[in-house]
């Protein structure tokens, strides 16, 4: 009986870890350098146990490509400037 209980527990843990695998970090590949004027929306998602760094997801709009989402590297200087610019822009009520 103990062996059966241990096997079921091990199976449960394996199934849990397999389901957590699908919730990986969205920003595995970082996006391109962007123009501030094309930014429609900026989302900052906190660090999760399955993601090493915070996720910065930006929604851009261009005439040619329409609306697209990209992940940005939070350590790049351009991303830091974008975050600072976006906060100032939001405070002005735009």
PDB file of N, CA and C in Angstrom:
ATOM      1  N   UNK A   1       0.818  -1.194   0.000  1.00  0.00           N
ATOM      2  CA  UNK A   1       0.000   0.000   0.000  1.00  0.00           C
ATOM      3  C   UNK A   1       0.869   1.269   0.000  1.00  0.00           C
ATOM      4  N   UNK A   2       1.971   1.213   0.761  1.00  0.00           N
ATOM      5  CA  UNK A   2       2.851   2.377   0.804  1.00  0.00           C
ATOM      6  C   UNK A   2       3.504   2.640  -0.553  1.00  0.00           C
ATOM      7  N   UNK A   3       3.825   1.581  -1.250  1.00  0.00           N
ATOM      8  CA  UNK A   3       4.452   1.723  -2.556  1.00  0.00           C
ATOM      9  C   UNK A   3       3.477   2.369  -3.541  1.00  0.00           C
ATOM     10  N   UNK A   4       2.229   1.977  -3.473  1.00  0.00           N
ATOM     11  CA  UNK A   4       1.207   2.556  -4.340  1.00  0.00           C
ATOM     12  C   UNK A   4       1.000   4.043  -4.028  1.00  0.00           C
ATOM     13  N   UNK A   5       0.981   4.400  -2.756  1.00  0.00           N
ATOM     14  CA  UNK A   5       0.828   5.793  -2.346  1.00  0.00           C
ATOM     15  C   UNK A   5       2.022   6.633  -2.813  1.00  0.00           C
ATOM     16  N   UNK A   6       3.220   6.085  -2.671  1.00  0.00           N
ATOM     17  CA  UNK A   6       4.422   6.801  -3.104  1.00  0.00           C
ATOM     18  C   UNK A   6       4.414   6.993  -4.620  1.00  0.00           C
ATOM     19  N   UNK A   7       3.977   5.974  -5.357  1.00  0.00           N
ATOM     20  CA  UNK A   7       3.927   6.072  -6.813  1.00  0.00           C
ATOM     21  C   UNK A   7       2.901   7.113  -7.250  1.00  0.00           C
ATOM     22  N   UNK A   8       1.744   7.139  -6.609  1.00  0.00           N
ATOM     23  CA  UNK A   8       0.726   8.137  -6.941  1.00  0.00           C
ATOM     24  C   UNK A   8       1.191   9.549  -6.619  1.00  0.00           C
ATOM     25  N   UNK A   9       1.888   9.699  -5.505  1.00  0.00           N
ATOM     26  CA  UNK A   9       2.421  11.011  -5.136  1.00  0.00           C
ATOM     27  C   UNK A   9       3.458  11.478  -6.147  1.00  0.00           C
ATOM     28  N   UNK A  10       4.319  10.588  -6.560  1.00  0.00           N
ATOM     29  CA  UNK A  10       5.332  10.915  -7.560  1.00  0.00           C
ATOM     30  C   UNK A  10       4.683  11.278  -8.897  1.00  0.00           C
ATOM     31  N   UNK A  11       3.656  10.560  -9.272  1.00  0.00           N
ATOM     32  CA  UNK A  11       2.927  10.853 -10.498  1.00  0.00           C
ATOM     33  C   UNK A  11       2.259  12.226 -10.428  1.00  0.00           C
ATOM     34  N   UNK A  12       1.670  12.544  -9.279  1.00  0.00           N
ATOM     35  CA  UNK A  12       1.035  13.848  -9.086  1.00  0.00           C
ATOM     36  C   UNK A  12       2.054  14.983  -9.216  1.00  0.00           C
ATOM     37  N   UNK A  13       3.219  14.810  -8.618  1.00  0.00           N
ATOM     38  CA  UNK A  13       4.267  15.845  -8.690  1.00  0.00           C
ATOM     39  C   UNK A  13       4.748  16.007 -10.131  1.00  0.00           C
ATOM     40  N   UNK A  14       4.913  14.915 -10.846  1.00  0.00           N
ATOM     41  CA  UNK A  14       5.354  14.987 -12.245  1.00  0.00           C
ATOM     42  C   UNK A  14       4.319  15.703 -13.101  1.00  0.00           C
ATOM     43  N   UNK A  15       3.045  15.434 -12.870  1.00  0.00           N
ATOM     44  CA  UNK A  15       1.995  16.110 -13.635  1.00  0.00           C
ATOM     45  C   UNK A  15       1.964  17.602 -13.314  1.00  0.00           C
ATOM     46  N   UNK A  16       2.168  17.970 -12.057  1.00  0.00           N
ATOM     47  CA  UNK A  16       2.185  19.379 -11.666  1.00  0.00           C
ATOM     48  C   UNK A  16       3.341  20.112 -12.339  1.00  0.00           C
ATOM     49  N   UNK A  17       4.510  19.513 -12.346  1.00  0.00           N
ATOM     50  CA  UNK A  17       5.667  20.151 -12.972  1.00  0.00           C
ATOM     51  C   UNK A  17       5.488  20.267 -14.481  1.00  0.00           C
ATOM     52  N   UNK A  18       4.848  19.302 -15.100  1.00  0.00           N
ATOM     53  CA  UNK A  18       4.598  19.364 -16.541  1.00  0.00           C
ATOM     54  C   UNK A  18       3.613  20.470 -16.878  1.00  0.00           C
ATOM     55  N   UNK A  19       2.616  20.703 -16.021  1.00  0.00           N
ATOM     56  CA  UNK A  19       1.658  21.774 -16.285  1.00  0.00           C
ATOM     57  C   UNK A  19       2.285  23.138 -16.034  1.00  0.00           C
ATOM     58  N   UNK A  20       3.200  23.240 -15.091  1.00  0.00           N
ATOM     59  CA  UNK A  20       3.876  24.513 -14.817  1.00  0.00           C
ATOM     60  C   UNK A  20       4.820  24.878 -15.955  1.00  0.00           C
ATOM     61  N   UNK A  21       5.244  23.896 -16.729  1.00  0.00           N
ATOM     62  CA  UNK A  21       6.129  24.144 -17.855  1.00  0.00           C
ATOM     63  C   UNK A  21       5.466  25.029 -18.894  1.00  0.00           C
ATOM     64  N   UNK A  22       4.151  24.951 -19.049  1.00  0.00           N
ATOM     65  CA  UNK A  22       3.429  25.731 -20.035  1.00  0.00           C
ATOM     66  C   UNK A  22       3.272  27.190 -19.660  1.00  0.00           C
ATOM     67  N   UNK A  23       3.650  27.564 -18.445  1.00  0.00           N
ATOM     68  CA  UNK A  23       3.475  28.926 -17.967  1.00  0.00           C
ATOM     69  C   UNK A  23       4.813  29.650 -17.963  1.00  0.00           C
ATOM     70  N   UNK A  24       5.668  29.316 -18.910  1.00  0.00           N
ATOM     71  CA  UNK A  24       7.005  29.902 -18.940  1.00  0.00           C
ATOM     72  C   UNK A  24       6.958  31.388 -19.243  1.00  0.00           C
ATOM     73  N   UNK A  25       8.088  31.980 -19.130  1.00  0.00           N
ATOM     74  CA  UNK A  25       8.258  33.406 -19.374  1.00  0.00           C
ATOM     75  C   UNK A  25       7.874  33.737 -20.820  1.00  0.00           C
ATOM     76  N   UNK A  26       7.040  34.756 -21.008  1.00  0.00           N
ATOM     77  CA  UNK A  26       6.621  35.160 -22.347  1.00  0.00           C
ATOM     78  C   UNK A  26       7.766  35.787 -23.135  1.00  0.00           C
ATOM     79  N   UNK A  27       8.675  36.393 -22.442  1.00  0.00           N
ATOM     80  CA  UNK A  27       9.739  37.145 -23.095  1.00  0.00           C
ATOM     81  C   UNK A  27      11.013  36.323 -23.232  1.00  0.00           C
ATOM     82  N   UNK A  28      10.941  35.241 -23.948  1.00  0.00           N
ATOM     83  CA  UNK A  28      12.140  34.440 -24.140  1.00  0.00           C
ATOM     84  C   UNK A  28      13.040  35.092 -25.194  1.00  0.00           C
ATOM     85  N   UNK A  29      12.438  35.809 -26.137  1.00  0.00           N
ATOM     86  CA  UNK A  29      13.195  36.511 -27.168  1.00  0.00           C
ATOM     87  C   UNK A  29      12.878  37.994 -27.073  1.00  0.00           C
ATOM     88  N   UNK A  30      13.885  38.810 -27.009  1.00  0.00           N
ATOM     89  CA  UNK A  30      13.686  40.241 -26.829  1.00  0.00           C
ATOM     90  C   UNK A  30      13.414  40.915 -28.162  1.00  0.00           C
ATOM     91  N   UNK A  31      12.590  41.948 -28.118  1.00  0.00           N
ATOM     92  CA  UNK A  31      12.162  42.645 -29.324  1.00  0.00           C
ATOM     93  C   UNK A  31      13.181  43.632 -29.848  1.00  0.00           C
ATOM     94  N   UNK A  32      12.826  44.307 -30.929  1.00  0.00           N
ATOM     95  CA  UNK A  32      13.738  45.237 -31.597  1.00  0.00           C
ATOM     96  C   UNK A  32      13.792  46.590 -30.888  1.00  0.00           C
ATOM     97  N   UNK A  33      14.670  47.420 -31.377  1.00  0.00           N
ATOM     98  CA  UNK A  33      14.720  48.803 -30.915  1.00  0.00           C
ATOM     99  C   UNK A  33      13.478  49.503 -31.460  1.00  0.00           C
ATOM    100  N   UNK A  34      12.845  50.326 -30.637  1.00  0.00           N
ATOM    101  CA  UNK A  34      11.563  50.888 -31.052  1.00  0.00           C
ATOM    102  C   UNK A  34      11.587  52.415 -31.034  1.00  0.00           C
ATOM    103  N   UNK A  35      10.616  52.993 -31.730  1.00  0.00           N
ATOM    104  CA  UNK A  35      10.423  54.448 -31.711  1.00  0.00           C
ATOM    105  C   UNK A  35       9.356  54.762 -30.666  1.00  0.00           C
ATOM    106  N   UNK A  36       9.604  55.745 -29.849  1.00  0.00           N
ATOM    107  CA  UNK A  36       8.672  56.098 -28.775  1.00  0.00           C
ATOM    108  C   UNK A  36       7.324  56.540 -29.319  1.00  0.00           C
ATOM    109  N   UNK A  37       7.313  57.161 -30.494  1.00  0.00           N
ATOM    110  CA  UNK A  37       6.060  57.677 -31.036  1.00  0.00           C
ATOM    111  C   UNK A  37       5.101  56.571 -31.468  1.00  0.00           C
ATOM    112  N   UNK A  38       5.595  55.360 -31.675  1.00  0.00           N
ATOM    113  CA  UNK A  38       4.745  54.249 -32.108  1.00  0.00           C
ATOM    114  C   UNK A  38       4.142  53.458 -30.947  1.00  0.00           C
ATOM    115  N   UNK A  39       4.479  53.817 -29.718  1.00  0.00           N
ATOM    116  CA  UNK A  39       4.028  53.049 -28.554  1.00  0.00           C
ATOM    117  C   UNK A  39       2.560  53.326 -28.280  1.00  0.00           C
ATOM    118  N   UNK A  40       1.763  52.284 -28.207  1.00  0.00           N
ATOM    119  CA  UNK A  40       0.347  52.389 -27.860  1.00  0.00           C
ATOM    120  C   UNK A  40       0.108  52.026 -26.402  1.00  0.00           C
ATOM    121  N   UNK A  41       0.756  50.949 -25.940  1.00  0.00           N
ATOM    122  CA  UNK A  41       0.537  50.467 -24.582  1.00  0.00           C
ATOM    123  C   UNK A  41       1.822  49.849 -24.069  1.00  0.00           C
ATOM    124  N   UNK A  42       2.064  49.996 -22.760  1.00  0.00           N
ATOM    125  CA  UNK A  42       3.243  49.443 -22.127  1.00  0.00           C
ATOM    126  C   UNK A  42       2.806  48.673 -20.896  1.00  0.00           C
ATOM    127  N   UNK A  43       3.182  47.405 -20.808  1.00  0.00           N
ATOM    128  CA  UNK A  43       2.839  46.569 -19.663  1.00  0.00           C
ATOM    129  C   UNK A  43       4.119  46.114 -18.982  1.00  0.00           C
ATOM    130  N   UNK A  44       4.163  46.242 -17.670  1.00  0.00           N
ATOM    131  CA  UNK A  44       5.295  45.761 -16.898  1.00  0.00           C
ATOM    132  C   UNK A  44       4.779  44.664 -15.991  1.00  0.00           C
ATOM    133  N   UNK A  45       5.232  43.447 -16.249  1.00  0.00           N
ATOM    134  CA  UNK A  45       4.815  42.301 -15.452  1.00  0.00           C
ATOM    135  C   UNK A  45       5.941  41.958 -14.488  1.00  0.00           C
ATOM    136  N   UNK A  46       5.615  41.695 -13.226  1.00  0.00           N
ATOM    137  CA  UNK A  46       6.669  41.421 -12.239  1.00  0.00           C
ATOM    138  C   UNK A  46       7.364  40.093 -12.489  1.00  0.00           C
ATOM    139  N   UNK A  47       8.446  39.888 -11.752  1.00  0.00           N
ATOM    140  CA  UNK A  47       9.174  38.633 -11.820  1.00  0.00           C
ATOM    141  C   UNK A  47       8.329  37.508 -11.254  1.00  0.00           C
ATOM    142  N   UNK A  48       8.355  36.385 -11.914  1.00  0.00           N
ATOM    143  CA  UNK A  48       7.667  35.193 -11.434  1.00  0.00           C
ATOM    144  C   UNK A  48       8.725  34.135 -11.142  1.00  0.00           C
ATOM    145  N   UNK A  49       8.363  33.096 -10.421  1.00  0.00           N
ATOM    146  CA  UNK A  49       9.354  32.047 -10.141  1.00  0.00           C
ATOM    147  C   UNK A  49       9.901  31.386 -11.407  1.00  0.00           C
ATOM    148  N   UNK A  50       9.118  31.374 -12.483  1.00  0.00           N
ATOM    149  CA  UNK A  50       9.550  30.721 -13.705  1.00  0.00           C
ATOM    150  C   UNK A  50      10.207  31.675 -14.686  1.00  0.00           C
ATOM    151  N   UNK A  51      10.289  32.955 -14.339  1.00  0.00           N
ATOM    152  CA  UNK A  51      10.882  33.954 -15.223  1.00  0.00           C
ATOM    153  C   UNK A  51      11.989  34.675 -14.467  1.00  0.00           C
ATOM    154  N   UNK A  52      13.151  34.755 -15.053  1.00  0.00           N
ATOM    155  CA  UNK A  52      14.321  35.304 -14.375  1.00  0.00           C
ATOM    156  C   UNK A  52      14.205  36.807 -14.140  1.00  0.00           C
ATOM    157  N   UNK A  53      13.691  37.543 -15.115  1.00  0.00           N
ATOM    158  CA  UNK A  53      13.608  38.999 -14.995  1.00  0.00           C
ATOM    159  C   UNK A  53      12.183  39.470 -15.266  1.00  0.00           C
ATOM    160  N   UNK A  54      11.911  40.721 -14.918  1.00  0.00           N
ATOM    161  CA  UNK A  54      10.562  41.243 -15.156  1.00  0.00           C
ATOM    162  C   UNK A  54      10.310  41.356 -16.655  1.00  0.00           C
ATOM    163  N   UNK A  55       9.031  41.222 -17.020  1.00  0.00           N
ATOM    164  CA  UNK A  55       8.666  41.259 -18.432  1.00  0.00           C
ATOM    165  C   UNK A  55       8.134  42.639 -18.777  1.00  0.00           C
ATOM    166  N   UNK A  56       8.686  43.243 -19.810  1.00  0.00           N
ATOM    167  CA  UNK A  56       8.216  44.527 -20.305  1.00  0.00           C
ATOM    168  C   UNK A  56       7.672  44.275 -21.705  1.00  0.00           C
ATOM    169  N   UNK A  57       6.348  44.363 -21.827  1.00  0.00           N
ATOM    170  CA  UNK A  57       5.683  44.087 -23.089  1.00  0.00           C
ATOM    171  C   UNK A  57       5.139  45.401 -23.630  1.00  0.00           C
ATOM    172  N   UNK A  58       5.534  45.741 -24.836  1.00  0.00           N
ATOM    173  CA  UNK A  58       5.118  46.994 -25.446  1.00  0.00           C
ATOM    174  C   UNK A  58       4.278  46.677 -26.688  1.00  0.00           C
ATOM    175  N   UNK A  59       3.187  47.427 -26.850  1.00  0.00           N
ATOM    176  CA  UNK A  59       2.340  47.292 -28.029  1.00  0.00           C
ATOM    177  C   UNK A  59       2.610  48.486 -28.930  1.00  0.00           C
ATOM    178  N   UNK A  60       3.012  48.198 -30.157  1.00  0.00           N
ATOM    179  CA  UNK A  60       3.351  49.238 -31.129  1.00  0.00           C
ATOM    180  C   UNK A  60       2.307  49.280 -32.228  1.00  0.00           C
ATOM    181  N   UNK A  61       2.182  50.441 -32.847  1.00  0.00           N
ATOM    182  CA  UNK A  61       1.298  50.570 -33.996  1.00  0.00           C
ATOM    183  C   UNK A  61       2.035  51.289 -35.094  1.00  0.00           C
ATOM    184  N   UNK A  62       2.029  50.690 -36.291  1.00  0.00           N
ATOM    185  CA  UNK A  62       2.577  51.332 -37.481  1.00  0.00           C
ATOM    186  C   UNK A  62       1.584  51.158 -38.621  1.00  0.00           C
ATOM    187  N   UNK A  63       1.663  52.018 -39.589  1.00  0.00           N
ATOM    188  CA  UNK A  63       0.736  51.935 -40.728  1.00  0.00           C
ATOM    189  C   UNK A  63       0.923  50.646 -41.514  1.00  0.00           C
ATOM    190  N   UNK A  64       2.146  50.259 -41.690  1.00  0.00           N
ATOM    191  CA  UNK A  64       2.450  49.102 -42.528  1.00  0.00           C
ATOM    192  C   UNK A  64       2.081  47.791 -41.836  1.00  0.00           C
ATOM    193  N   UNK A  65       2.497  47.642 -40.588  1.00  0.00           N
ATOM    194  CA  UNK A  65       2.324  46.361 -39.903  1.00  0.00           C
ATOM    195  C   UNK A  65       1.133  46.315 -38.963  1.00  0.00           C
ATOM    196  N   UNK A  66       0.528  47.434 -38.681  1.00  0.00           N
ATOM    197  CA  UNK A  66      -0.595  47.454 -37.747  1.00  0.00           C
ATOM    198  C   UNK A  66      -0.120  47.372 -36.309  1.00  0.00           C
ATOM    199  N   UNK A  67      -0.864  46.650 -35.485  1.00  0.00           N
ATOM    200  CA  UNK A  67      -0.539  46.556 -34.060  1.00  0.00           C
ATOM    201  C   UNK A  67       0.262  45.284 -33.797  1.00  0.00           C
ATOM    202  N   UNK A  68       1.396  45.432 -33.089  1.00  0.00           N
ATOM    203  CA  UNK A  68       2.259  44.303 -32.760  1.00  0.00           C
ATOM    204  C   UNK A  68       2.730  44.413 -31.325  1.00  0.00           C
ATOM    205  N   UNK A  69       2.989  43.265 -30.709  1.00  0.00           N
ATOM    206  CA  UNK A  69       3.532  43.235 -29.351  1.00  0.00           C
ATOM    207  C   UNK A  69       4.960  42.724 -29.389  1.00  0.00           C
ATOM    208  N   UNK A  70       5.806  43.356 -28.568  1.00  0.00           N
ATOM    209  CA  UNK A  70       7.208  42.947 -28.464  1.00  0.00           C
ATOM    210  C   UNK A  70       7.613  42.946 -27.004  1.00  0.00           C
ATOM    211  N   UNK A  71       8.541  42.076 -26.674  1.00  0.00           N
ATOM    212  CA  UNK A  71       9.148  42.069 -25.348  1.00  0.00           C
ATOM    213  C   UNK A  71      10.441  42.868 -25.416  1.00  0.00           C
ATOM    214  N   UNK A  72      10.697  43.618 -24.372  1.00  0.00           N
ATOM    215  CA  UNK A  72      11.909  44.419 -24.337  1.00  0.00           C
ATOM    216  C   UNK A  72      12.818  43.946 -23.220  1.00  0.00           C
ATOM    217  N   UNK A  73      14.105  44.069 -23.446  1.00  0.00           N
ATOM    218  CA  UNK A  73      15.096  43.701 -22.453  1.00  0.00           C
ATOM    219  C   UNK A  73      15.152  44.816 -21.406  1.00  0.00           C
ATOM    220  N   UNK A  74      14.845  44.515 -20.130  1.00  0.00           N
ATOM    221  CA  UNK A  74      14.812  45.571 -19.112  1.00  0.00           C
ATOM    222  C   UNK A  74      16.177  46.166 -18.783  1.00  0.00           C
ATOM    223  N   UNK A  75      17.246  45.534 -19.226  1.00  0.00           N
ATOM    224  CA  UNK A  75      18.583  46.036 -18.914  1.00  0.00           C
ATOM    225  C   UNK A  75      19.140  46.976 -19.976  1.00  0.00           C
ATOM    226  N   UNK A  76      18.503  47.041 -21.138  1.00  0.00           N
ATOM    227  CA  UNK A  76      18.992  47.916 -22.209  1.00  0.00           C
ATOM    228  C   UNK A  76      18.719  49.379 -21.885  1.00  0.00           C
ATOM    229  N   UNK A  77      19.612  50.239 -22.296  1.00  0.00           N
ATOM    230  CA  UNK A  77      19.490  51.665 -22.035  1.00  0.00           C
ATOM    231  C   UNK A  77      18.250  52.250 -22.717  1.00  0.00           C
ATOM    232  N   UNK A  78      17.937  51.780 -23.910  1.00  0.00           N
ATOM    233  CA  UNK A  78      16.780  52.274 -24.645  1.00  0.00           C
ATOM    234  C   UNK A  78      15.483  51.957 -23.891  1.00  0.00           C
ATOM    235  N   UNK A  79      15.404  50.786 -23.278  1.00  0.00           N
ATOM    236  CA  UNK A  79      14.217  50.398 -22.518  1.00  0.00           C
ATOM    237  C   UNK A  79      14.075  51.248 -21.262  1.00  0.00           C
ATOM    238  N   UNK A  80      15.172  51.541 -20.600  1.00  0.00           N
ATOM    239  CA  UNK A  80      15.139  52.392 -19.407  1.00  0.00           C
ATOM    240  C   UNK A  80      14.639  53.786 -19.774  1.00  0.00           C
ATOM    241  N   UNK A  81      15.116  54.315 -20.909  1.00  0.00           N
ATOM    242  CA  UNK A  81      14.647  55.633 -21.373  1.00  0.00           C
ATOM    243  C   UNK A  81      13.168  55.599 -21.728  1.00  0.00           C
ATOM    244  N   UNK A  82      12.734  54.504 -22.354  1.00  0.00           N
ATOM    245  CA  UNK A  82      11.321  54.364 -22.714  1.00  0.00           C
ATOM    246  C   UNK A  82      10.443  54.361 -21.466  1.00  0.00           C
ATOM    247  N   UNK A  83      10.839  53.628 -20.440  1.00  0.00           N
ATOM    248  CA  UNK A  83      10.062  53.582 -19.196  1.00  0.00           C
ATOM    249  C   UNK A  83       9.971  54.966 -18.558  1.00  0.00           C
ATOM    250  N   UNK A  84      11.072  55.685 -18.539  1.00  0.00           N
ATOM    251  CA  UNK A  84      11.075  57.038 -17.968  1.00  0.00           C
ATOM    252  C   UNK A  84      10.169  57.966 -18.784  1.00  0.00           C
ATOM    253  N   UNK A  85      10.292  57.913 -20.108  1.00  0.00           N
ATOM    254  CA  UNK A  85       9.466  58.736 -20.989  1.00  0.00           C
ATOM    255  C   UNK A  85       7.996  58.399 -20.835  1.00  0.00           C
ATOM    256  N   UNK A  86       7.656  57.115 -20.747  1.00  0.00           N
ATOM    257  CA  UNK A  86       6.263  56.689 -20.659  1.00  0.00           C
ATOM    258  C   UNK A  86       5.632  57.144 -19.345  1.00  0.00           C
ATOM    259  N   UNK A  87       6.374  57.090 -18.256  1.00  0.00           N
ATOM    260  CA  UNK A  87       5.842  57.552 -16.962  1.00  0.00           C
ATOM    261  C   UNK A  87       5.560  59.046 -16.983  1.00  0.00           C
ATOM    262  N   UNK A  88       6.448  59.823 -17.567  1.00  0.00           N
ATOM    263  CA  UNK A  88       6.235  61.270 -17.676  1.00  0.00           C
ATOM    264  C   UNK A  88       5.047  61.552 -18.574  1.00  0.00           C
ATOM    265  N   UNK A  89       4.950  60.831 -19.665  1.00  0.00           N
ATOM    266  CA  UNK A  89       3.851  61.007 -20.621  1.00  0.00           C
ATOM    267  C   UNK A  89       2.511  60.671 -19.977  1.00  0.00           C
ATOM    268  N   UNK A  90       2.471  59.613 -19.161  1.00  0.00           N
ATOM    269  CA  UNK A  90       1.232  59.234 -18.471  1.00  0.00           C
ATOM    270  C   UNK A  90       0.831  60.258 -17.421  1.00  0.00           C
ATOM    271  N   UNK A  91       1.811  60.846 -16.723  1.00  0.00           N
ATOM    272  CA  UNK A  91       1.519  61.852 -15.698  1.00  0.00           C
ATOM    273  C   UNK A  91       0.900  63.103 -16.305  1.00  0.00           C
ATOM    274  N   UNK A  92       1.250  63.399 -17.531  1.00  0.00           N
ATOM    275  CA  UNK A  92       0.679  64.584 -18.186  1.00  0.00           C
ATOM    276  C   UNK A  92      -0.764  64.353 -18.626  1.00  0.00           C
ATOM    277  N   UNK A  93      -1.226  63.105 -18.531  1.00  0.00           N
ATOM    278  CA  UNK A  93      -2.622  62.812 -18.839  1.00  0.00           C
ATOM    279  C   UNK A  93      -2.910  62.575 -20.295  1.00  0.00           C
ATOM    280  N   UNK A  94      -1.949  62.070 -21.002  1.00  0.00           N
ATOM    281  CA  UNK A  94      -2.170  61.818 -22.427  1.00  0.00           C
ATOM    282  C   UNK A  94      -2.729  60.455 -22.653  1.00  0.00           C
TER     283      UNK A  94
END
